[in-house]
Amino acid sequence: MLTVINPKLPMRNKSATREFYISKLEFREAGTQDFEGYLMLQKDAVEIHFFEFKDLNPKENYGQVYIRTNDIDGLYQLLLANKTAIHPNGSLKIQPWGQKEFSLLDPDNNLLTFGQTLS
């Protein structure tokens, strides 16, 4: 029945969010319409939506998304080449639960964790 999930995360500034995801993570805009206070971005099969929350305090934001990849090393190198800051506690490593992961924060402190299952 269920086929896909598109998380919705808060953003304070649509332009800053768009710039970060497009220039640092190489997402692109999804859809053909521009909605006030709303943003839809996509990379490969992953689509993330953002809603405007101008009064968001980034220090109190607990937005999180776990994104699976089939090329964790290539993605990590791409983000480093784009000068994307990796979370200080989220460097690329193999976790005890069998995932190779890393994490980063977007401009609003939404935590993005990328992971690949090791076989």
PDB file of N, CA and C in Angstrom:
ATOM      1  N   MET A   1       0.805  -1.207   0.000  1.00  0.00           N
ATOM      2  CA  MET A   1       0.000   0.000   0.000  1.00  0.00           C
ATOM      3  C   MET A   1       0.847   1.270   0.000  1.00  0.00           C
ATOM      4  N   LEU A   2       1.688   1.437   1.009  1.00  0.00           N
ATOM      5  CA  LEU A   2       2.507   2.642   1.087  1.00  0.00           C
ATOM      6  C   LEU A   2       3.644   2.553   0.082  1.00  0.00           C
ATOM      7  N   THR A   3       3.972   3.662  -0.547  1.00  0.00           N
ATOM      8  CA  THR A   3       5.002   3.610  -1.587  1.00  0.00           C
ATOM      9  C   THR A   3       6.180   4.540  -1.353  1.00  0.00           C
ATOM     10  N   VAL A   4       5.981   5.644  -0.658  1.00  0.00           N
ATOM     11  CA  VAL A   4       7.076   6.606  -0.485  1.00  0.00           C
ATOM     12  C   VAL A   4       6.750   7.516   0.688  1.00  0.00           C
ATOM     13  N   ILE A   5       7.779   8.100   1.261  1.00  0.00           N
ATOM     14  CA  ILE A   5       7.591   9.086   2.328  1.00  0.00           C
ATOM     15  C   ILE A   5       8.380  10.335   1.964  1.00  0.00           C
ATOM     16  N   ASN A   6       7.774  11.486   2.166  1.00  0.00           N
ATOM     17  CA  ASN A   6       8.432  12.767   1.925  1.00  0.00           C
ATOM     18  C   ASN A   6       8.394  13.569   3.219  1.00  0.00           C
ATOM     19  N   PRO A   7       9.480  13.553   3.981  1.00  0.00           N
ATOM     20  CA  PRO A   7       9.479  14.280   5.251  1.00  0.00           C
ATOM     21  C   PRO A   7       9.309  15.776   5.042  1.00  0.00           C
ATOM     22  N   LYS A   8       8.712  16.425   6.047  1.00  0.00           N
ATOM     23  CA  LYS A   8       8.529  17.874   6.037  1.00  0.00           C
ATOM     24  C   LYS A   8       9.319  18.431   7.220  1.00  0.00           C
ATOM     25  N   LEU A   9      10.240  19.332   6.916  1.00  0.00           N
ATOM     26  CA  LEU A   9      11.104  19.920   7.933  1.00  0.00           C
ATOM     27  C   LEU A   9      10.884  21.430   7.995  1.00  0.00           C
ATOM     28  N   PRO A  10      11.120  22.026   9.161  1.00  0.00           N
ATOM     29  CA  PRO A  10      10.966  23.475   9.279  1.00  0.00           C
ATOM     30  C   PRO A  10      12.145  24.228   8.663  1.00  0.00           C
ATOM     31  N   MET A  11      11.851  25.419   8.154  1.00  0.00           N
ATOM     32  CA  MET A  11      12.895  26.315   7.637  1.00  0.00           C
ATOM     33  C   MET A  11      12.539  27.737   8.041  1.00  0.00           C
ATOM     34  N   ARG A  12      13.558  28.517   8.341  1.00  0.00           N
ATOM     35  CA  ARG A  12      13.338  29.930   8.660  1.00  0.00           C
ATOM     36  C   ARG A  12      13.371  30.796   7.415  1.00  0.00           C
ATOM     37  N   ASN A  13      14.240  30.443   6.479  1.00  0.00           N
ATOM     38  CA  ASN A  13      14.474  31.279   5.309  1.00  0.00           C
ATOM     39  C   ASN A  13      14.517  30.390   4.067  1.00  0.00           C
ATOM     40  N   LYS A  14      13.529  30.536   3.216  1.00  0.00           N
ATOM     41  CA  LYS A  14      13.400  29.692   2.032  1.00  0.00           C
ATOM     42  C   LYS A  14      14.617  29.801   1.115  1.00  0.00           C
ATOM     43  N   SER A  15      15.111  31.009   0.901  1.00  0.00           N
ATOM     44  CA  SER A  15      16.274  31.206   0.023  1.00  0.00           C
ATOM     45  C   SER A  15      17.515  30.512   0.574  1.00  0.00           C
ATOM     46  N   ALA A  16      17.744  30.631   1.872  1.00  0.00           N
ATOM     47  CA  ALA A  16      18.915  30.003   2.495  1.00  0.00           C
ATOM     48  C   ALA A  16      18.810  28.480   2.434  1.00  0.00           C
ATOM     49  N   THR A  17      17.623  27.949   2.682  1.00  0.00           N
ATOM     50  CA  THR A  17      17.420  26.501   2.619  1.00  0.00           C
ATOM     51  C   THR A  17      17.635  26.005   1.196  1.00  0.00           C
ATOM     52  N   ARG A  18      17.024  26.688   0.235  1.00  0.00           N
ATOM     53  CA  ARG A  18      17.183  26.306  -1.175  1.00  0.00           C
ATOM     54  C   ARG A  18      18.658  26.320  -1.566  1.00  0.00           C
ATOM     55  N   GLU A  19      19.365  27.368  -1.225  1.00  0.00           N
ATOM     56  CA  GLU A  19      20.783  27.506  -1.582  1.00  0.00           C
ATOM     57  C   GLU A  19      21.625  26.391  -0.971  1.00  0.00           C
ATOM     58  N   PHE A  20      21.406  26.086   0.293  1.00  0.00           N
ATOM     59  CA  PHE A  20      22.174  25.043   0.965  1.00  0.00           C
ATOM     60  C   PHE A  20      21.968  23.684   0.298  1.00  0.00           C
ATOM     61  N   TYR A  21      20.716  23.297   0.119  1.00  0.00           N
ATOM     62  CA  TYR A  21      20.437  21.973  -0.428  1.00  0.00           C
ATOM     63  C   TYR A  21      20.870  21.841  -1.889  1.00  0.00           C
ATOM     64  N   ILE A  22      20.754  22.912  -2.660  1.00  0.00           N
ATOM     65  CA  ILE A  22      21.138  22.844  -4.066  1.00  0.00           C
ATOM     66  C   ILE A  22      22.657  22.926  -4.226  1.00  0.00           C
ATOM     67  N   SER A  23      23.300  23.867  -3.556  1.00  0.00           N
ATOM     68  CA  SER A  23      24.744  24.048  -3.769  1.00  0.00           C
ATOM     69  C   SER A  23      25.599  23.058  -2.979  1.00  0.00           C
ATOM     70  N   LYS A  24      25.181  22.682  -1.792  1.00  0.00           N
ATOM     71  CA  LYS A  24      25.990  21.789  -0.957  1.00  0.00           C
ATOM     72  C   LYS A  24      25.646  20.318  -1.145  1.00  0.00           C
ATOM     73  N   LEU A  25      24.358  20.000  -1.275  1.00  0.00           N
ATOM     74  CA  LEU A  25      23.924  18.602  -1.336  1.00  0.00           C
ATOM     75  C   LEU A  25      23.506  18.170  -2.740  1.00  0.00           C
ATOM     76  N   GLU A  26      23.481  19.113  -3.669  1.00  0.00           N
ATOM     77  CA  GLU A  26      23.142  18.868  -5.070  1.00  0.00           C
ATOM     78  C   GLU A  26      21.721  18.342  -5.274  1.00  0.00           C
ATOM     79  N   PHE A  27      20.794  18.848  -4.461  1.00  0.00           N
ATOM     80  CA  PHE A  27      19.372  18.615  -4.706  1.00  0.00           C
ATOM     81  C   PHE A  27      18.938  19.553  -5.827  1.00  0.00           C
ATOM     82  N   ARG A  28      17.707  19.379  -6.290  1.00  0.00           N
ATOM     83  CA  ARG A  28      17.099  20.290  -7.256  1.00  0.00           C
ATOM     84  C   ARG A  28      15.665  20.535  -6.806  1.00  0.00           C
ATOM     85  N   GLU A  29      15.070  21.586  -7.331  1.00  0.00           N
ATOM     86  CA  GLU A  29      13.685  21.855  -6.956  1.00  0.00           C
ATOM     87  C   GLU A  29      12.778  20.800  -7.558  1.00  0.00           C
ATOM     88  N   ALA A  30      11.793  20.378  -6.804  1.00  0.00           N
ATOM     89  CA  ALA A  30      10.803  19.405  -7.260  1.00  0.00           C
ATOM     90  C   ALA A  30       9.536  20.156  -7.644  1.00  0.00           C
ATOM     91  N   GLY A  31       8.911  19.717  -8.691  1.00  0.00           N
ATOM     92  CA  GLY A  31       7.686  20.375  -9.141  1.00  0.00           C
ATOM     93  C   GLY A  31       7.981  21.603  -9.981  1.00  0.00           C
ATOM     94  N   THR A  32       6.926  22.210 -10.459  1.00  0.00           N
ATOM     95  CA  THR A  32       7.074  23.373 -11.342  1.00  0.00           C
ATOM     96  C   THR A  32       6.509  24.649 -10.747  1.00  0.00           C
ATOM     97  N   GLN A  33       5.889  24.563  -9.587  1.00  0.00           N
ATOM     98  CA  GLN A  33       5.303  25.749  -8.963  1.00  0.00           C
ATOM     99  C   GLN A  33       6.102  26.171  -7.748  1.00  0.00           C
ATOM    100  N   ASP A  34       6.095  27.456  -7.484  1.00  0.00           N
ATOM    101  CA  ASP A  34       6.757  28.023  -6.309  1.00  0.00           C
ATOM    102  C   ASP A  34       5.677  28.481  -5.340  1.00  0.00           C
ATOM    103  N   PHE A  35       5.584  27.802  -4.202  1.00  0.00           N
ATOM    104  CA  PHE A  35       4.566  28.132  -3.215  1.00  0.00           C
ATOM    105  C   PHE A  35       5.157  29.002  -2.116  1.00  0.00           C
ATOM    106  N   GLU A  36       4.429  30.019  -1.719  1.00  0.00           N
ATOM    107  CA  GLU A  36       4.895  30.893  -0.640  1.00  0.00           C
ATOM    108  C   GLU A  36       5.002  30.094   0.656  1.00  0.00           C
ATOM    109  N   GLY A  37       6.175  30.200   1.300  1.00  0.00           N
ATOM    110  CA  GLY A  37       6.368  29.544   2.590  1.00  0.00           C
ATOM    111  C   GLY A  37       6.534  28.041   2.524  1.00  0.00           C
ATOM    112  N   TYR A  38       6.748  27.499   1.323  1.00  0.00           N
ATOM    113  CA  TYR A  38       6.873  26.042   1.177  1.00  0.00           C
ATOM    114  C   TYR A  38       7.900  25.752   0.095  1.00  0.00           C
ATOM    115  N   LEU A  39       8.691  24.703   0.301  1.00  0.00           N
ATOM    116  CA  LEU A  39       9.746  24.356  -0.630  1.00  0.00           C
ATOM    117  C   LEU A  39       9.815  22.840  -0.763  1.00  0.00           C
ATOM    118  N   MET A  40       9.961  22.365  -1.990  1.00  0.00           N
ATOM    119  CA  MET A  40      10.091  20.932  -2.246  1.00  0.00           C
ATOM    120  C   MET A  40      11.387  20.717  -3.024  1.00  0.00           C
ATOM    121  N   LEU A  41      12.259  19.876  -2.489  1.00  0.00           N
ATOM    122  CA  LEU A  41      13.552  19.597  -3.112  1.00  0.00           C
ATOM    123  C   LEU A  41      13.726  18.098  -3.291  1.00  0.00           C
ATOM    124  N   GLN A  42      14.491  17.725  -4.320  1.00  0.00           N
ATOM    125  CA  GLN A  42      14.648  16.319  -4.642  1.00  0.00           C
ATOM    126  C   GLN A  42      16.068  16.016  -5.094  1.00  0.00           C
ATOM    127  N   LYS A  43      16.544  14.839  -4.735  1.00  0.00           N
ATOM    128  CA  LYS A  43      17.805  14.285  -5.228  1.00  0.00           C
ATOM    129  C   LYS A  43      17.578  12.794  -5.405  1.00  0.00           C
ATOM    130  N   ASP A  44      17.775  12.319  -6.626  1.00  0.00           N
ATOM    131  CA  ASP A  44      17.513  10.926  -6.948  1.00  0.00           C
ATOM    132  C   ASP A  44      16.075  10.597  -6.527  1.00  0.00           C
ATOM    133  N   ALA A  45      15.854   9.572  -5.723  1.00  0.00           N
ATOM    134  CA  ALA A  45      14.498   9.179  -5.324  1.00  0.00           C
ATOM    135  C   ALA A  45      14.061   9.819  -4.004  1.00  0.00           C
ATOM    136  N   VAL A  46      14.880  10.698  -3.434  1.00  0.00           N
ATOM    137  CA  VAL A  46      14.575  11.316  -2.145  1.00  0.00           C
ATOM    138  C   VAL A  46      13.992  12.711  -2.367  1.00  0.00           C
ATOM    139  N   GLU A  47      12.846  12.958  -1.760  1.00  0.00           N
ATOM    140  CA  GLU A  47      12.214  14.279  -1.824  1.00  0.00           C
ATOM    141  C   GLU A  47      11.955  14.752  -0.400  1.00  0.00           C
ATOM    142  N   ILE A  48      12.400  15.972  -0.106  1.00  0.00           N
ATOM    143  CA  ILE A  48      12.188  16.577   1.205  1.00  0.00           C
ATOM    144  C   ILE A  48      11.389  17.849   1.014  1.00  0.00           C
ATOM    145  N   HIS A  49      10.381  18.036   1.849  1.00  0.00           N
ATOM    146  CA  HIS A  49       9.576  19.245   1.821  1.00  0.00           C
ATOM    147  C   HIS A  49       9.935  20.099   3.037  1.00  0.00           C
ATOM    148  N   PHE A  50       9.804  21.402   2.885  1.00  0.00           N
ATOM    149  CA  PHE A  50      10.117  22.342   3.954  1.00  0.00           C
ATOM    150  C   PHE A  50       8.956  23.317   4.106  1.00  0.00           C
ATOM    151  N   PHE A  51       8.595  23.604   5.346  1.00  0.00           N
ATOM    152  CA  PHE A  51       7.558  24.584   5.621  1.00  0.00           C
ATOM    153  C   PHE A  51       8.179  25.753   6.381  1.00  0.00           C
ATOM    154  N   GLU A  52       7.690  26.938   6.089  1.00  0.00           N
ATOM    155  CA  GLU A  52       8.238  28.147   6.703  1.00  0.00           C
ATOM    156  C   GLU A  52       7.852  28.223   8.180  1.00  0.00           C
ATOM    157  N   PHE A  53       8.866  28.472   8.998  1.00  0.00           N
ATOM    158  CA  PHE A  53       8.688  28.633  10.438  1.00  0.00           C
ATOM    159  C   PHE A  53       9.672  29.717  10.852  1.00  0.00           C
ATOM    160  N   LYS A  54       9.281  30.968  10.605  1.00  0.00           N
ATOM    161  CA  LYS A  54      10.185  32.114  10.805  1.00  0.00           C
ATOM    162  C   LYS A  54      10.668  32.249  12.246  1.00  0.00           C
ATOM    163  N   ASP A  55       9.865  31.834  13.210  1.00  0.00           N
ATOM    164  CA  ASP A  55      10.235  31.978  14.619  1.00  0.00           C
ATOM    165  C   ASP A  55      10.982  30.769  15.175  1.00  0.00           C
ATOM    166  N   LEU A  56      11.373  29.857  14.316  1.00  0.00           N
ATOM    167  CA  LEU A  56      12.098  28.671  14.754  1.00  0.00           C
ATOM    168  C   LEU A  56      13.411  29.066  15.424  1.00  0.00           C
ATOM    169  N   ASN A  57      13.644  28.514  16.587  1.00  0.00           N
ATOM    170  CA  ASN A  57      14.927  28.665  17.254  1.00  0.00           C
ATOM    171  C   ASN A  57      15.745  27.426  16.889  1.00  0.00           C
ATOM    172  N   PRO A  58      16.792  27.576  16.057  1.00  0.00           N
ATOM    173  CA  PRO A  58      17.552  26.403  15.617  1.00  0.00           C
ATOM    174  C   PRO A  58      18.079  25.551  16.765  1.00  0.00           C
ATOM    175  N   LYS A  59      18.361  26.169  17.914  1.00  0.00           N
ATOM    176  CA  LYS A  59      18.865  25.412  19.057  1.00  0.00           C
ATOM    177  C   LYS A  59      17.794  24.518  19.673  1.00  0.00           C
ATOM    178  N   GLU A  60      16.530  24.761  19.310  1.00  0.00           N
ATOM    179  CA  GLU A  60      15.423  23.965  19.835  1.00  0.00           C
ATOM    180  C   GLU A  60      14.776  23.115  18.742  1.00  0.00           C
ATOM    181  N   ASN A  61      15.423  23.005  17.595  1.00  0.00           N
ATOM    182  CA  ASN A  61      14.866  22.234  16.489  1.00  0.00           C
ATOM    183  C   ASN A  61      15.349  20.788  16.571  1.00  0.00           C
ATOM    184  N   TYR A  62      14.404  19.862  16.558  1.00  0.00           N
ATOM    185  CA  TYR A  62      14.735  18.450  16.633  1.00  0.00           C
ATOM    186  C   TYR A  62      14.384  17.709  15.345  1.00  0.00           C
ATOM    187  N   GLY A  63      14.240  18.458  14.223  1.00  0.00           N
ATOM    188  CA  GLY A  63      13.951  17.832  12.938  1.00  0.00           C
ATOM    189  C   GLY A  63      15.091  16.898  12.542  1.00  0.00           C
ATOM    190  N   GLN A  64      14.737  15.683  12.142  1.00  0.00           N
ATOM    191  CA  GLN A  64      15.745  14.688  11.757  1.00  0.00           C
ATOM    192  C   GLN A  64      15.214  13.829  10.617  1.00  0.00           C
ATOM    193  N   VAL A  65      16.127  13.465   9.708  1.00  0.00           N
ATOM    194  CA  VAL A  65      15.793  12.562   8.612  1.00  0.00           C
ATOM    195  C   VAL A  65      16.952  11.596   8.440  1.00  0.00           C
ATOM    196  N   TYR A  66      16.624  10.315   8.252  1.00  0.00           N
ATOM    197  CA  TYR A  66      17.634   9.295   7.956  1.00  0.00           C
ATOM    198  C   TYR A  66      17.470   8.946   6.481  1.00  0.00           C
ATOM    199  N   ILE A  67      18.534   9.110   5.704  1.00  0.00           N
ATOM    200  CA  ILE A  67      18.493   8.885   4.263  1.00  0.00           C
ATOM    201  C   ILE A  67      19.451   7.752   3.913  1.00  0.00           C
ATOM    202  N   ARG A  68      18.932   6.716   3.312  1.00  0.00           N
ATOM    203  CA  ARG A  68      19.772   5.588   2.889  1.00  0.00           C
ATOM    204  C   ARG A  68      20.389   5.881   1.525  1.00  0.00           C
ATOM    205  N   THR A  69      21.603   5.379   1.333  1.00  0.00           N
ATOM    206  CA  THR A  69      22.322   5.537   0.077  1.00  0.00           C
ATOM    207  C   THR A  69      22.988   4.213  -0.291  1.00  0.00           C
ATOM    208  N   ASN A  70      23.308   4.063  -1.566  1.00  0.00           N
ATOM    209  CA  ASN A  70      24.035   2.869  -1.988  1.00  0.00           C
ATOM    210  C   ASN A  70      25.493   3.190  -2.307  1.00  0.00           C
ATOM    211  N   ASP A  71      25.918   4.440  -1.998  1.00  0.00           N
ATOM    212  CA  ASP A  71      27.307   4.858  -2.226  1.00  0.00           C
ATOM    213  C   ASP A  71      27.702   5.881  -1.162  1.00  0.00           C
ATOM    214  N   ILE A  72      27.789   5.438   0.075  1.00  0.00           N
ATOM    215  CA  ILE A  72      28.083   6.328   1.194  1.00  0.00           C
ATOM    216  C   ILE A  72      29.434   7.016   1.037  1.00  0.00           C
ATOM    217  N   ASP A  73      30.436   6.291   0.555  1.00  0.00           N
ATOM    218  CA  ASP A  73      31.769   6.881   0.406  1.00  0.00           C
ATOM    219  C   ASP A  73      31.770   7.956  -0.672  1.00  0.00           C
ATOM    220  N   GLY A  74      31.120   7.694  -1.801  1.00  0.00           N
ATOM    221  CA  GLY A  74      31.046   8.685  -2.873  1.00  0.00           C
ATOM    222  C   GLY A  74      30.281   9.923  -2.450  1.00  0.00           C
ATOM    223  N   LEU A  75      29.164   9.728  -1.733  1.00  0.00           N
ATOM    224  CA  LEU A  75      28.379  10.863  -1.251  1.00  0.00           C
ATOM    225  C   LEU A  75      29.185  11.700  -0.262  1.00  0.00           C
ATOM    226  N   TYR A  76      29.866  11.033   0.640  1.00  0.00           N
ATOM    227  CA  TYR A  76      30.688  11.736   1.642  1.00  0.00           C
ATOM    228  C   TYR A  76      31.759  12.582   0.948  1.00  0.00           C
ATOM    229  N   GLN A  77      32.430  12.009  -0.044  1.00  0.00           N
ATOM    230  CA  GLN A  77      33.470  12.744  -0.770  1.00  0.00           C
ATOM    231  C   GLN A  77      32.881  13.915  -1.555  1.00  0.00           C
ATOM    232  N   LEU A  78      31.703  13.729  -2.142  1.00  0.00           N
ATOM    233  CA  LEU A  78      31.022  14.810  -2.859  1.00  0.00           C
ATOM    234  C   LEU A  78      30.729  15.974  -1.922  1.00  0.00           C
ATOM    235  N   LEU A  79      30.216  15.668  -0.738  1.00  0.00           N
ATOM    236  CA  LEU A  79      29.878  16.729   0.210  1.00  0.00           C
ATOM    237  C   LEU A  79      31.134  17.434   0.707  1.00  0.00           C
ATOM    238  N   LEU A  80      32.197  16.697   0.948  1.00  0.00           N
ATOM    239  CA  LEU A  80      33.456  17.339   1.337  1.00  0.00           C
ATOM    240  C   LEU A  80      33.963  18.250   0.219  1.00  0.00           C
ATOM    241  N   ALA A  81      33.867  17.798  -1.032  1.00  0.00           N
ATOM    242  CA  ALA A  81      34.303  18.608  -2.175  1.00  0.00           C
ATOM    243  C   ALA A  81      33.467  19.876  -2.298  1.00  0.00           C
ATOM    244  N   ASN A  82      32.190  19.814  -1.893  1.00  0.00           N
ATOM    245  CA  ASN A  82      31.309  20.978  -1.915  1.00  0.00           C
ATOM    246  C   ASN A  82      31.450  21.830  -0.656  1.00  0.00           C
ATOM    247  N   LYS A  83      32.447  21.498   0.176  1.00  0.00           N
ATOM    248  CA  LYS A  83      32.708  22.216   1.423  1.00  0.00           C
ATOM    249  C   LYS A  83      31.489  22.229   2.355  1.00  0.00           C
ATOM    250  N   THR A  84      30.829  21.080   2.421  1.00  0.00           N
ATOM    251  CA  THR A  84      29.689  20.913   3.310  1.00  0.00           C
ATOM    252  C   THR A  84      30.201  20.491   4.682  1.00  0.00           C
ATOM    253  N   ALA A  85      29.799  21.211   5.700  1.00  0.00           N
ATOM    254  CA  ALA A  85      30.245  20.893   7.059  1.00  0.00           C
ATOM    255  C   ALA A  85      29.582  19.614   7.547  1.00  0.00           C
ATOM    256  N   ILE A  86      30.389  18.667   7.970  1.00  0.00           N
ATOM    257  CA  ILE A  86      29.904  17.422   8.555  1.00  0.00           C
ATOM    258  C   ILE A  86      29.725  17.657  10.062  1.00  0.00           C
ATOM    259  N   HIS A  87      28.697  17.092  10.639  1.00  0.00           N
ATOM    260  CA  HIS A  87      28.434  17.268  12.072  1.00  0.00           C
ATOM    261  C   HIS A  87      29.660  16.792  12.863  1.00  0.00           C
ATOM    262  N   PRO A  88      30.089  17.560  13.858  1.00  0.00           N
ATOM    263  CA  PRO A  88      31.273  17.168  14.643  1.00  0.00           C
ATOM    264  C   PRO A  88      31.163  15.777  15.268  1.00  0.00           C
ATOM    265  N   ASN A  89      29.960  15.361  15.615  1.00  0.00           N
ATOM    266  CA  ASN A  89      29.763  14.026  16.193  1.00  0.00           C
ATOM    267  C   ASN A  89      29.276  13.026  15.156  1.00  0.00           C
ATOM    268  N   GLY A  90      29.323  13.403  13.884  1.00  0.00           N
ATOM    269  CA  GLY A  90      28.739  12.555  12.862  1.00  0.00           C
ATOM    270  C   GLY A  90      29.654  12.245  11.699  1.00  0.00           C
ATOM    271  N   SER A  91      30.940  12.096  11.962  1.00  0.00           N
ATOM    272  CA  SER A  91      31.860  11.776  10.867  1.00  0.00           C
ATOM    273  C   SER A  91      31.579  10.377  10.330  1.00  0.00           C
ATOM    274  N   LEU A  92      32.050  10.107   9.145  1.00  0.00           N
ATOM    275  CA  LEU A  92      31.817   8.826   8.490  1.00  0.00           C
ATOM    276  C   LEU A  92      32.433   7.689   9.302  1.00  0.00           C
ATOM    277  N   LYS A  93      31.580   6.744   9.712  1.00  0.00           N
ATOM    278  CA  LYS A  93      32.088   5.598  10.482  1.00  0.00           C
ATOM    279  C   LYS A  93      31.096   4.455  10.421  1.00  0.00           C
ATOM    280  N   ILE A  94      31.599   3.291  10.757  1.00  0.00           N
ATOM    281  CA  ILE A  94      30.761   2.095  10.825  1.00  0.00           C
ATOM    282  C   ILE A  94      30.166   2.029  12.230  1.00  0.00           C
ATOM    283  N   GLN A  95      28.848   1.931  12.275  1.00  0.00           N
ATOM    284  CA  GLN A  95      28.136   1.893  13.543  1.00  0.00           C
ATOM    285  C   GLN A  95      27.968   0.443  14.008  1.00  0.00           C
ATOM    286  N   PRO A  96      27.776   0.226  15.321  1.00  0.00           N
ATOM    287  CA  PRO A  96      27.603  -1.141  15.843  1.00  0.00           C
ATOM    288  C   PRO A  96      26.402  -1.870  15.248  1.00  0.00           C
ATOM    289  N   TRP A  97      25.434  -1.135  14.714  1.00  0.00           N
ATOM    290  CA  TRP A  97      24.233  -1.758  14.160  1.00  0.00           C
ATOM    291  C   TRP A  97      24.382  -2.111  12.674  1.00  0.00           C
ATOM    292  N   GLY A  98      25.617  -2.040  12.143  1.00  0.00           N
ATOM    293  CA  GLY A  98      25.885  -2.513  10.797  1.00  0.00           C
ATOM    294  C   GLY A  98      25.665  -1.512   9.688  1.00  0.00           C
ATOM    295  N   GLN A  99      25.583  -0.248  10.044  1.00  0.00           N
ATOM    296  CA  GLN A  99      25.435   0.811   9.050  1.00  0.00           C
ATOM    297  C   GLN A  99      26.711   1.638   9.003  1.00  0.00           C
ATOM    298  N   LYS A 100      27.101   2.072   7.807  1.00  0.00           N
ATOM    299  CA  LYS A 100      28.158   3.062   7.655  1.00  0.00           C
ATOM    300  C   LYS A 100      27.430   4.382   7.491  1.00  0.00           C
ATOM    301  N   GLU A 101      27.721   5.345   8.367  1.00  0.00           N
ATOM    302  CA  GLU A 101      26.913   6.564   8.445  1.00  0.00           C
ATOM    303  C   GLU A 101      27.764   7.817   8.624  1.00  0.00           C
ATOM    304  N   PHE A 102      27.131   8.949   8.292  1.00  0.00           N
ATOM    305  CA  PHE A 102      27.621  10.269   8.682  1.00  0.00           C
ATOM    306  C   PHE A 102      26.423  11.201   8.779  1.00  0.00           C
ATOM    307  N   SER A 103      26.611  12.326   9.450  1.00  0.00           N
ATOM    308  CA  SER A 103      25.515  13.268   9.668  1.00  0.00           C
ATOM    309  C   SER A 103      25.971  14.695   9.415  1.00  0.00           C
ATOM    310  N   LEU A 104      24.990  15.554   9.139  1.00  0.00           N
ATOM    311  CA  LEU A 104      25.244  16.986   9.001  1.00  0.00           C
ATOM    312  C   LEU A 104      23.998  17.747   9.421  1.00  0.00           C
ATOM    313  N   LEU A 105      24.178  19.031   9.649  1.00  0.00           N
ATOM    314  CA  LEU A 105      23.070  19.917  10.008  1.00  0.00           C
ATOM    315  C   LEU A 105      22.829  20.897   8.879  1.00  0.00           C
ATOM    316  N   ASP A 106      21.564  21.155   8.579  1.00  0.00           N
ATOM    317  CA  ASP A 106      21.245  22.169   7.578  1.00  0.00           C
ATOM    318  C   ASP A 106      21.195  23.537   8.274  1.00  0.00           C
ATOM    319  N   PRO A 107      20.904  24.622   7.559  1.00  0.00           N
ATOM    320  CA  PRO A 107      20.927  25.953   8.182  1.00  0.00           C
ATOM    321  C   PRO A 107      19.981  26.139   9.367  1.00  0.00           C
ATOM    322  N   ASP A 108      18.978  25.266   9.487  1.00  0.00           N
ATOM    323  CA  ASP A 108      18.023  25.372  10.595  1.00  0.00           C
ATOM    324  C   ASP A 108      18.217  24.304  11.654  1.00  0.00           C
ATOM    325  N   ASN A 109      19.354  23.623  11.602  1.00  0.00           N
ATOM    326  CA  ASN A 109      19.714  22.555  12.542  1.00  0.00           C
ATOM    327  C   ASN A 109      18.862  21.298  12.380  1.00  0.00           C
ATOM    328  N   ASN A 110      18.265  21.103  11.209  1.00  0.00           N
ATOM    329  CA  ASN A 110      17.664  19.811  10.905  1.00  0.00           C
ATOM    330  C   ASN A 110      18.814  18.835  10.718  1.00  0.00           C
ATOM    331  N   LEU A 111      18.773  17.701  11.405  1.00  0.00           N
ATOM    332  CA  LEU A 111      19.823  16.706  11.332  1.00  0.00           C
ATOM    333  C   LEU A 111      19.549  15.744  10.179  1.00  0.00           C
ATOM    334  N   LEU A 112      20.500  15.657   9.249  1.00  0.00           N
ATOM    335  CA  LEU A 112      20.412  14.704   8.140  1.00  0.00           C
ATOM    336  C   LEU A 112      21.464  13.637   8.384  1.00  0.00           C
ATOM    337  N   THR A 113      21.036  12.394   8.515  1.00  0.00           N
ATOM    338  CA  THR A 113      21.952  11.275   8.665  1.00  0.00           C
ATOM    339  C   THR A 113      21.848  10.423   7.421  1.00  0.00           C
ATOM    340  N   PHE A 114      22.997  10.115   6.835  1.00  0.00           N
ATOM    341  CA  PHE A 114      23.078   9.296   5.634  1.00  0.00           C
ATOM    342  C   PHE A 114      23.686   7.964   6.028  1.00  0.00           C
ATOM    343  N   GLY A 115      23.101   6.866   5.534  1.00  0.00           N
ATOM    344  CA  GLY A 115      23.607   5.560   5.912  1.00  0.00           C
ATOM    345  C   GLY A 115      23.519   4.542   4.809  1.00  0.00           C
ATOM    346  N   GLN A 116      24.441   3.581   4.875  1.00  0.00           N
ATOM    347  CA  GLN A 116      24.464   2.464   3.945  1.00  0.00           C
ATOM    348  C   GLN A 116      24.655   1.189   4.733  1.00  0.00           C
ATOM    349  N   THR A 117      23.839   0.181   4.433  1.00  0.00           N
ATOM    350  CA  THR A 117      23.978  -1.120   5.075  1.00  0.00           C
ATOM    351  C   THR A 117      25.216  -1.816   4.539  1.00  0.00           C
ATOM    352  N   LEU A 118      26.000  -2.364   5.437  1.00  0.00           N
ATOM    353  CA  LEU A 118      27.184  -3.126   5.031  1.00  0.00           C
ATOM    354  C   LEU A 118      26.787  -4.571   4.840  1.00  0.00           C
ATOM    355  N   SER A 119      27.254  -5.175   3.756  1.00  0.00           N
ATOM    356  CA  SER A 119      26.910  -6.575   3.526  1.00  0.00           C
ATOM    357  C   SER A 119      28.125  -7.447   3.627  1.00  0.00           C
TER     358      SER A 119
END
